[in-house]
Amino acid sequence: MLKILNNSLNGITLGQRKVDLDDATLDESSCSLEFDRKHKIQSDSQVITLSSSETCDEFSLNGKIINFSNLEKFVEEENPLVEISDEEKYFYTFPQYNLVLYVDYKDKLFLQVLIYDESIKDLYENSGQKYSDFQKSKLKSLITFYGKLIFIPYKSVGNLEFNSSLSDIIKEYDILEKIIPDKKNILWINNFALRFDNEKLTQITIFYDKKEIIPIYYNEINISSEKGLSELLNKYDGIERGKSKYLFKELGLVVAKDFSEFHFFEQSLLKFWANLHRAITSW
């Protein structure tokens, strides 16, 4: 297993002189090395990058094992720079570790694990965007215009159309696939949860973060506001579900009274209305 410890990879250290690395170490090493060209004497050249010479599915970073079971959490916590290759592979740059990961999510492989010397930080840290901003940009791509989500009952929410296929949505929005294996397939995009039945989009749920509220409009009514909810209750039959939600069967809509959740349904789920409350609270 590849082991990164501070500024070393498998026992070879960034900045180490070429003359201090014997042939046996280089021949037996499972990593590739690059040297600077600042020195007149070649043997005085210093290691400026160390990288895996083969693909792997896990590695050790300062004693912590990183693999595809905890990679997403690691990325969310560390907020690296991110870029996507033409082949839809992901480059993550972690300036705090001088670390670059080249990730193939489809085959669950680290195509390259690389650490770089402080002297060439600009080479690796001059492009890409923060992971948190990258995630927000996905969410913004779901907004139709002017920062609004337009809701059309049983048809669409924003640019998300009911009956779209799971694969098409993942491809269109360049989403890292995160499916919860269950009786339902659920795809998460930030605070959006998309449910698929028979590979078709049948339910869209938004769990609202009060720090960043995107208004949702139906027929010019802002249904994510107190005033808008009152208008809905005046115009449509709203069924009160317990103390926390209103169900609008005519619209295929469930709204939490505190606006923390919005559930939108495709027409085919009508036959499940009787069990709807159980379905939406099981997520």
Protein backbone atom coordinates (compact mmCIF):
# COMPACT_ATOMS: atom_id res chain seq x y z
CA MET A 1 0.00 0.00 0.00
CA LEU A 2 1.14 3.53 -0.74
CA LYS A 3 2.02 5.34 2.48
CA ILE A 4 2.21 9.12 2.63
CA LEU A 5 3.73 10.49 5.79
CA ASN A 6 4.14 14.27 5.83
CA ASN A 7 6.35 14.95 2.82
CA SER A 8 7.38 11.38 2.05
CA LEU A 9 5.92 8.57 -0.02
CA ASN A 10 6.89 4.99 0.77
CA GLY A 11 9.99 6.15 2.59
CA ILE A 12 11.30 8.52 -0.10
CA THR A 13 11.21 12.17 0.89
CA LEU A 14 10.55 15.30 -1.15
CA GLY A 15 13.74 17.37 -1.35
CA GLN A 16 15.94 14.29 -1.02
CA ARG A 17 19.04 14.44 -3.22
CA LYS A 18 19.41 12.01 -6.09
CA VAL A 19 22.87 11.04 -4.88
CA ASP A 20 21.38 9.89 -1.57
CA LEU A 21 19.02 7.42 -3.26
CA ASP A 22 20.72 4.14 -4.05
CA ASP A 23 19.76 2.08 -7.08
CA ALA A 24 18.18 -0.62 -4.93
CA THR A 25 15.76 1.89 -3.37
CA LEU A 26 14.81 3.28 -6.76
CA ASP A 27 14.39 -0.15 -8.34
CA GLU A 28 12.24 -1.50 -5.52
CA SER A 29 10.18 1.64 -5.07
CA SER A 30 6.48 1.52 -5.98
CA CYS A 31 6.51 5.22 -6.84
CA SER A 32 7.78 7.42 -9.63
CA LEU A 33 10.11 10.34 -8.98
CA GLU A 34 10.76 13.70 -10.63
CA PHE A 35 13.87 15.79 -9.92
CA ASP A 36 14.49 19.50 -10.27
CA ARG A 37 16.97 20.90 -12.77
CA LYS A 38 18.41 23.70 -10.65
CA HIS A 39 21.74 22.04 -9.96
CA LYS A 40 24.74 21.91 -12.23
CA ILE A 41 25.68 18.50 -10.89
CA GLN A 42 22.93 16.01 -11.75
CA SER A 43 23.48 13.95 -8.64
CA ASP A 44 22.62 17.02 -6.51
CA SER A 45 19.15 17.26 -8.06
CA GLN A 46 16.34 17.02 -5.53
CA VAL A 47 13.05 15.13 -5.62
CA ILE A 48 10.17 17.50 -6.40
CA THR A 49 7.33 15.02 -6.99
CA LEU A 50 6.59 11.50 -5.82
CA SER A 51 3.70 9.55 -7.31
CA SER A 52 2.21 6.09 -7.54
CA SER A 53 3.54 4.09 -10.46
CA GLU A 54 0.39 1.95 -10.62
CA THR A 55 -3.32 2.42 -9.96
CA CYS A 56 -4.64 1.57 -6.50
CA ASP A 57 -7.92 1.52 -4.61
CA GLU A 58 -6.61 2.87 -1.31
CA PHE A 59 -3.62 4.57 0.29
CA SER A 60 -2.48 5.79 3.69
CA LEU A 61 -2.27 9.50 4.48
CA ASN A 62 -0.50 10.29 7.75
CA GLY A 63 -1.80 7.03 9.20
CA LYS A 64 -5.38 7.35 7.86
CA ILE A 65 -6.55 4.93 5.18
CA ILE A 66 -8.27 6.68 2.28
CA ASN A 67 -10.42 4.52 0.01
CA PHE A 68 -13.72 4.74 -1.85
CA SER A 69 -15.76 4.08 1.26
CA ASN A 70 -14.57 7.33 2.90
CA LEU A 71 -13.27 9.37 -0.06
CA GLU A 72 -16.38 11.53 -0.38
CA LYS A 73 -16.33 12.42 3.31
CA PHE A 74 -12.60 13.18 3.09
CA VAL A 75 -13.14 15.46 0.09
CA GLU A 76 -16.04 17.27 1.76
CA GLU A 77 -14.03 17.86 4.95
CA GLU A 78 -10.80 18.94 3.26
CA ASN A 79 -12.40 21.04 0.46
CA PRO A 80 -9.67 20.56 -2.20
CA LEU A 81 -9.38 22.19 -5.60
CA VAL A 82 -11.20 20.15 -8.24
CA GLU A 83 -10.97 19.78 -12.01
CA ILE A 84 -12.54 17.28 -14.41
CA SER A 85 -10.68 15.72 -17.32
CA ASP A 86 -12.14 15.19 -20.79
CA GLU A 87 -12.58 11.53 -19.82
CA GLU A 88 -14.71 12.63 -16.84
CA LYS A 89 -12.05 11.70 -14.32
CA TYR A 90 -11.51 13.94 -11.29
CA PHE A 91 -8.37 15.78 -10.21
CA TYR A 92 -8.35 16.78 -6.54
CA THR A 93 -5.55 19.03 -5.26
CA PHE A 94 -5.14 19.30 -1.49
CA PRO A 95 -2.80 22.26 -0.78
CA GLN A 96 -2.76 21.43 2.92
CA TYR A 97 -1.10 18.09 2.12
CA ASN A 98 0.68 19.01 -1.15
CA LEU A 99 -1.33 16.11 -2.53
CA VAL A 100 -2.98 15.43 -5.89
CA LEU A 101 -5.44 12.59 -6.53
CA TYR A 102 -6.51 11.56 -10.01
CA VAL A 103 -9.74 9.65 -9.44
CA ASP A 104 -11.80 7.29 -11.57
CA TYR A 105 -15.14 7.00 -9.78
CA LYS A 106 -16.57 4.61 -12.32
CA ASP A 107 -13.96 1.91 -11.74
CA LYS A 108 -13.24 3.05 -8.16
CA LEU A 109 -9.54 3.56 -8.73
CA PHE A 110 -6.94 6.16 -7.86
CA LEU A 111 -5.24 6.50 -11.23
CA GLN A 112 -2.51 8.55 -9.60
CA VAL A 113 -1.56 9.60 -6.09
CA LEU A 114 1.05 12.36 -6.12
CA ILE A 115 2.76 14.63 -3.60
CA TYR A 116 4.69 17.72 -4.67
CA ASP A 117 7.39 19.95 -3.21
CA GLU A 118 6.69 23.45 -1.87
CA SER A 119 8.91 24.88 -4.60
CA ILE A 120 6.36 23.94 -7.30
CA LYS A 121 3.10 24.65 -5.43
CA ASP A 122 2.03 27.18 -8.05
CA LEU A 123 2.21 24.52 -10.75
CA TYR A 124 -0.46 22.43 -9.03
CA GLU A 125 -2.50 25.09 -7.25
CA ASN A 126 -3.03 27.65 -10.02
CA SER A 127 -6.24 26.18 -11.45
CA GLY A 128 -9.48 24.49 -10.47
CA GLN A 129 -12.14 25.63 -8.03
CA LYS A 130 -12.83 24.78 -4.43
CA TYR A 131 -14.88 21.62 -4.01
CA SER A 132 -17.55 23.53 -2.04
CA ASP A 133 -17.95 26.02 -4.93
CA PHE A 134 -17.96 23.16 -7.41
CA GLN A 135 -20.84 21.52 -5.52
CA LYS A 136 -22.78 24.80 -5.43
CA SER A 137 -22.34 25.18 -9.18
CA LYS A 138 -24.11 21.85 -9.65
CA LEU A 139 -27.01 23.12 -7.62
CA LYS A 140 -27.15 26.34 -9.62
CA SER A 141 -27.36 24.33 -12.83
CA LEU A 142 -30.74 23.07 -11.62
CA ILE A 143 -32.14 26.62 -11.47
CA THR A 144 -34.08 27.73 -14.55
CA PHE A 145 -33.55 31.51 -14.44
CA TYR A 146 -33.11 34.50 -12.14
CA GLY A 147 -32.30 32.30 -9.18
CA LYS A 148 -35.71 30.65 -9.08
CA LEU A 149 -36.91 27.09 -9.26
CA ILE A 150 -40.05 26.87 -11.37
CA PHE A 151 -42.41 24.04 -10.38
CA ILE A 152 -44.78 22.51 -12.95
CA PRO A 153 -46.97 19.87 -11.27
CA TYR A 154 -46.17 16.30 -12.31
CA LYS A 155 -43.76 17.57 -14.98
CA SER A 156 -40.69 19.31 -13.59
CA VAL A 157 -38.90 21.18 -10.83
CA GLY A 158 -36.41 23.65 -12.25
CA ASN A 159 -34.64 21.89 -15.11
CA LEU A 160 -35.30 18.45 -13.60
CA GLU A 161 -38.01 16.66 -15.53
CA PHE A 162 -39.96 13.72 -14.15
CA ASN A 163 -39.39 10.40 -15.97
CA SER A 164 -35.84 11.43 -16.88
CA SER A 165 -33.48 8.49 -16.63
CA LEU A 166 -30.93 8.17 -13.84
CA SER A 167 -28.02 7.88 -16.29
CA ASP A 168 -29.12 10.97 -18.25
CA ILE A 169 -29.30 13.13 -15.13
CA ILE A 170 -25.89 11.96 -13.89
CA LYS A 171 -24.40 12.73 -17.30
CA GLU A 172 -26.18 16.06 -17.86
CA TYR A 173 -25.29 17.56 -14.49
CA ASP A 174 -21.87 15.95 -14.20
CA ILE A 175 -22.81 14.41 -10.87
CA LEU A 176 -20.68 12.13 -8.74
CA GLU A 177 -23.00 9.15 -8.46
CA LYS A 178 -24.08 8.53 -4.88
CA ILE A 179 -26.82 5.91 -4.85
CA ILE A 180 -28.21 4.51 -1.63
CA PRO A 181 -28.94 0.81 -2.25
CA ASP A 182 -32.48 0.39 -1.02
CA LYS A 183 -35.90 -0.55 -2.27
CA LYS A 184 -35.64 2.92 -3.78
CA ASN A 185 -32.70 4.37 -5.67
CA ILE A 186 -31.91 7.85 -4.38
CA LEU A 187 -29.44 10.24 -5.96
CA TRP A 188 -28.21 13.14 -3.84
CA ILE A 189 -27.19 16.50 -5.33
CA ASN A 190 -26.34 18.76 -2.40
CA ASN A 191 -29.68 19.17 -0.61
CA PHE A 192 -31.69 17.69 -3.49
CA ALA A 193 -32.75 14.03 -3.17
CA LEU A 194 -33.96 12.40 -6.38
CA ARG A 195 -35.86 9.13 -6.23
CA PHE A 196 -35.90 6.76 -9.20
CA ASP A 197 -38.30 3.90 -9.86
CA ASN A 198 -37.43 1.59 -12.74
CA GLU A 199 -34.59 3.98 -13.58
CA LYS A 200 -37.01 6.91 -14.06
CA LEU A 201 -37.22 10.05 -11.90
CA THR A 202 -40.43 9.90 -9.85
CA GLN A 203 -39.80 12.09 -6.80
CA ILE A 204 -37.79 15.23 -6.04
CA THR A 205 -37.20 16.36 -2.47
CA ILE A 206 -35.47 19.53 -1.37
CA PHE A 207 -34.14 19.76 2.16
CA TYR A 208 -33.75 23.47 2.72
CA ASP A 209 -30.69 25.08 4.21
CA LYS A 210 -31.81 28.40 5.71
CA LYS A 211 -28.46 29.93 4.82
CA GLU A 212 -29.15 29.56 1.11
CA ILE A 213 -32.84 29.47 0.24
CA ILE A 214 -33.79 29.23 -3.42
CA PRO A 215 -37.37 30.45 -3.97
CA ILE A 216 -39.73 27.94 -5.56
CA TYR A 217 -42.49 29.32 -7.78
CA TYR A 218 -45.74 27.80 -9.00
CA ASN A 219 -47.99 30.00 -11.16
CA GLU A 220 -46.20 33.13 -9.90
CA ILE A 221 -46.73 32.02 -6.29
CA ASN A 222 -43.63 31.72 -4.15
CA ILE A 223 -44.55 28.48 -2.41
CA SER A 224 -41.43 28.66 -0.23
CA SER A 225 -42.87 31.63 1.70
CA GLU A 226 -45.57 32.07 4.34
CA LYS A 227 -47.63 34.21 1.97
CA GLY A 228 -47.30 31.71 -0.87
CA LEU A 229 -48.28 28.76 1.31
CA SER A 230 -51.37 30.66 2.46
CA GLU A 231 -52.31 31.25 -1.19
CA LEU A 232 -51.95 27.55 -1.94
CA LEU A 233 -54.15 26.63 1.01
CA ASN A 234 -56.80 29.09 -0.22
CA LYS A 235 -56.77 27.83 -3.81
CA TYR A 236 -56.21 24.08 -3.38
CA ASP A 237 -57.31 21.35 -1.02
CA GLY A 238 -54.45 20.88 1.39
CA ILE A 239 -54.41 17.83 3.63
CA GLU A 240 -52.69 18.39 6.93
CA ARG A 241 -50.27 15.54 7.61
CA GLY A 242 -49.66 15.41 11.33
CA LYS A 243 -48.32 18.63 12.78
CA SER A 244 -45.57 19.25 10.28
CA LYS A 245 -46.68 18.96 6.63
CA TYR A 246 -49.34 19.83 4.08
CA LEU A 247 -50.16 17.50 1.19
CA PHE A 248 -51.55 18.94 -2.06
CA LYS A 249 -52.72 15.91 -4.06
CA GLU A 250 -53.78 18.02 -7.03
CA LEU A 251 -50.25 19.36 -7.39
CA GLY A 252 -48.24 16.32 -6.35
CA LEU A 253 -46.66 18.40 -3.61
CA VAL A 254 -45.87 18.12 0.09
CA VAL A 255 -44.65 21.20 1.99
CA ALA A 256 -43.24 21.22 5.49
CA LYS A 257 -44.83 23.97 7.57
CA ASP A 258 -41.41 25.31 8.52
CA PHE A 259 -40.28 25.13 4.84
CA SER A 260 -37.47 22.75 5.72
CA GLU A 261 -38.67 20.16 3.16
CA PHE A 262 -40.44 20.18 -0.20
CA HIS A 263 -41.52 16.93 -1.88
CA PHE A 264 -42.60 16.80 -5.53
CA PHE A 265 -44.10 13.69 -7.16
CA GLU A 266 -44.63 12.27 -10.61
CA GLN A 267 -48.17 11.24 -11.61
CA SER A 268 -47.45 7.50 -11.43
CA LEU A 269 -47.10 7.77 -7.64
CA LEU A 270 -50.75 8.76 -7.23
CA LYS A 271 -51.70 5.21 -6.26
CA PHE A 272 -49.32 5.48 -3.32
CA TRP A 273 -51.00 8.55 -1.82
CA ALA A 274 -52.45 6.49 1.00
CA ASN A 275 -48.94 5.53 2.13
CA LEU A 276 -47.32 8.80 1.15
CA HIS A 277 -46.52 10.03 4.64
CA ARG A 278 -44.76 6.79 5.46
CA ALA A 279 -42.78 6.96 2.20
CA ILE A 280 -41.49 10.49 2.58
CA THR A 281 -40.58 10.18 6.24
CA SER A 282 -38.58 7.00 5.65
CA TRP A 283 -35.82 8.86 3.84
